Amino acid sequence: MLELKDLEVEVSGKRILQGVNLTIDTAQTHILFGPNGAGKTTLLMSIMGFPEYKVTSGRILFNDEDVTHLPLHERARRG
């Protein structure tokens, strides 16, 4: 399961995501769509842990483990 709880993200000191909440249960499929500039790629890069996307508030949980501050390679190892 993947959960985002009140996620806020900054890039270069500018807030680009605010108050994002999302739950995706195991074996579920979701589609993320919206217009250009809506934050789709930003959200995915933040979840994956790319260092330029700084989570300033909220949590990212994967299978009930808080992975918010784990580096990209550690998140990738978890699935």
C-alpha atoms as a PDB file:
ATOM      1  CA  MET A   1       0.000   0.000   0.000  1.00  0.00           C
ATOM      2  CA  LEU A   2       1.137   3.533  -0.763  1.00  0.00           C
ATOM      3  CA  GLU A   3      -0.139   6.442   1.312  1.00  0.00           C
ATOM      4  CA  LEU A   4       0.563  10.155   1.081  1.00  0.00           C
ATOM      5  CA  LYS A   5      -0.512  12.170   4.096  1.00  0.00           C
ATOM      6  CA  ASP A   6      -0.750  15.959   3.796  1.00  0.00           C
ATOM      7  CA  LEU A   7       2.340  16.058   1.578  1.00  0.00           C
ATOM      8  CA  GLU A   8       4.079  19.364   0.840  1.00  0.00           C
ATOM      9  CA  VAL A   9       7.028  19.551  -1.555  1.00  0.00           C
ATOM     10  CA  GLU A  10       9.469  22.315  -2.531  1.00  0.00           C
ATOM     11  CA  VAL A  11      11.905  22.684  -5.414  1.00  0.00           C
ATOM     12  CA  SER A  12      14.571  25.398  -5.151  1.00  0.00           C
ATOM     13  CA  GLY A  13      12.721  26.894  -2.171  1.00  0.00           C
ATOM     14  CA  LYS A  14       9.408  27.201  -4.042  1.00  0.00           C
ATOM     15  CA  ARG A  15       6.416  25.199  -2.790  1.00  0.00           C
ATOM     16  CA  ILE A  16       5.036  23.174  -5.680  1.00  0.00           C
ATOM     17  CA  LEU A  17       2.749  20.662  -3.933  1.00  0.00           C
ATOM     18  CA  GLN A  18       0.601  21.320  -0.892  1.00  0.00           C
ATOM     19  CA  GLY A  19      -1.803  19.175   1.128  1.00  0.00           C
ATOM     20  CA  VAL A  20      -1.680  16.061  -1.069  1.00  0.00           C
ATOM     21  CA  ASN A  21      -3.460  12.996   0.331  1.00  0.00           C
ATOM     22  CA  LEU A  22      -3.627   9.701  -1.549  1.00  0.00           C
ATOM     23  CA  THR A  23      -4.087   6.026  -0.716  1.00  0.00           C
ATOM     24  CA  ILE A  24      -3.405   3.244  -3.203  1.00  0.00           C
ATOM     25  CA  ASP A  25      -4.081  -0.251  -1.893  1.00  0.00           C
ATOM     26  CA  THR A  26      -2.031  -3.257  -2.952  1.00  0.00           C
ATOM     27  CA  ALA A  27      -3.111  -4.661  -6.343  1.00  0.00           C
ATOM     28  CA  GLN A  28      -5.042  -1.496  -7.244  1.00  0.00           C
ATOM     29  CA  THR A  29      -4.400   0.456 -10.404  1.00  0.00           C
ATOM     30  CA  HIS A  30      -4.828   4.225 -10.576  1.00  0.00           C
ATOM     31  CA  ILE A  31      -4.448   6.758 -13.345  1.00  0.00           C
ATOM     32  CA  LEU A  32      -2.969  10.173 -12.667  1.00  0.00           C
ATOM     33  CA  PHE A  33      -4.096  12.687 -15.258  1.00  0.00           C
ATOM     34  CA  GLY A  34      -4.498  16.428 -15.627  1.00  0.00           C
ATOM     35  CA  PRO A  35      -3.373  19.383 -17.718  1.00  0.00           C
ATOM     36  CA  ASN A  36       0.247  20.369 -18.289  1.00  0.00           C
ATOM     37  CA  GLY A  37       1.720  21.893 -15.156  1.00  0.00           C
ATOM     38  CA  ALA A  38      -0.791  20.271 -12.800  1.00  0.00           C
ATOM     39  CA  GLY A  39       1.930  18.452 -10.811  1.00  0.00           C
ATOM     40  CA  LYS A  40       1.689  14.865 -12.065  1.00  0.00           C
ATOM     41  CA  THR A  41       5.413  14.419 -12.701  1.00  0.00           C
ATOM     42  CA  THR A  42       6.278  16.414  -9.590  1.00  0.00           C
ATOM     43  CA  LEU A  43       4.162  14.091  -7.463  1.00  0.00           C
ATOM     44  CA  LEU A  44       5.798  10.976  -8.915  1.00  0.00           C
ATOM     45  CA  MET A  45       9.324  12.377  -8.578  1.00  0.00           C
ATOM     46  CA  SER A  46       8.556  13.280  -4.948  1.00  0.00           C
ATOM     47  CA  ILE A  47       7.256   9.791  -4.194  1.00  0.00           C
ATOM     48  CA  MET A  48      10.354   8.234  -5.787  1.00  0.00           C
ATOM     49  CA  GLY A  49      12.643  10.438  -3.684  1.00  0.00           C
ATOM     50  CA  PHE A  50      14.532  12.527  -6.227  1.00  0.00           C
ATOM     51  CA  PRO A  51      16.703  14.826  -4.071  1.00  0.00           C
ATOM     52  CA  GLU A  52      15.730  18.103  -5.768  1.00  0.00           C
ATOM     53  CA  TYR A  53      12.115  17.477  -4.650  1.00  0.00           C
ATOM     54  CA  LYS A  54      12.247  18.293  -0.935  1.00  0.00           C
ATOM     55  CA  VAL A  55       9.377  17.034   1.221  1.00  0.00           C
ATOM     56  CA  THR A  56       8.844  19.836   3.732  1.00  0.00           C
ATOM     57  CA  SER A  57       5.743  18.471   5.437  1.00  0.00           C
ATOM     58  CA  GLY A  58       3.633  15.329   5.501  1.00  0.00           C
ATOM     59  CA  ARG A  59       4.556  11.682   5.095  1.00  0.00           C
ATOM     60  CA  ILE A  60       5.012   9.038   2.425  1.00  0.00           C
ATOM     61  CA  LEU A  61       4.178   5.537   3.680  1.00  0.00           C
ATOM     62  CA  PHE A  62       4.909   2.337   1.765  1.00  0.00           C
ATOM     63  CA  ASN A  63       3.471  -0.840   3.305  1.00  0.00           C
ATOM     64  CA  ASP A  64       3.041   1.072   6.588  1.00  0.00           C
ATOM     65  CA  GLU A  65       6.726   2.108   6.674  1.00  0.00           C
ATOM     66  CA  ASP A  66       7.539   5.821   6.639  1.00  0.00           C
ATOM     67  CA  VAL A  67       9.855   6.283   3.643  1.00  0.00           C
ATOM     68  CA  THR A  68       9.562  10.076   3.506  1.00  0.00           C
ATOM     69  CA  HIS A  69      13.222  10.757   4.206  1.00  0.00           C
ATOM     70  CA  LEU A  70      14.789   7.675   2.630  1.00  0.00           C
ATOM     71  CA  PRO A  71      17.013   8.275  -0.408  1.00  0.00           C
ATOM     72  CA  LEU A  72      15.866   7.179  -3.859  1.00  0.00           C
ATOM     73  CA  HIS A  73      17.919   3.962  -3.920  1.00  0.00           C
ATOM     74  CA  GLU A  74      16.464   2.822  -0.574  1.00  0.00           C
ATOM     75  CA  ARG A  75      12.905   3.479  -1.749  1.00  0.00           C
ATOM     76  CA  ALA A  76      13.600   1.540  -4.955  1.00  0.00           C
ATOM     77  CA  ARG A  77      14.777  -1.485  -2.943  1.00  0.00           C
ATOM     78  CA  ARG A  78      11.456  -1.559  -1.123  1.00  0.00           C
ATOM     79  CA  GLY A  79       9.486  -1.872  -4.330  1.00  0.00           C
END
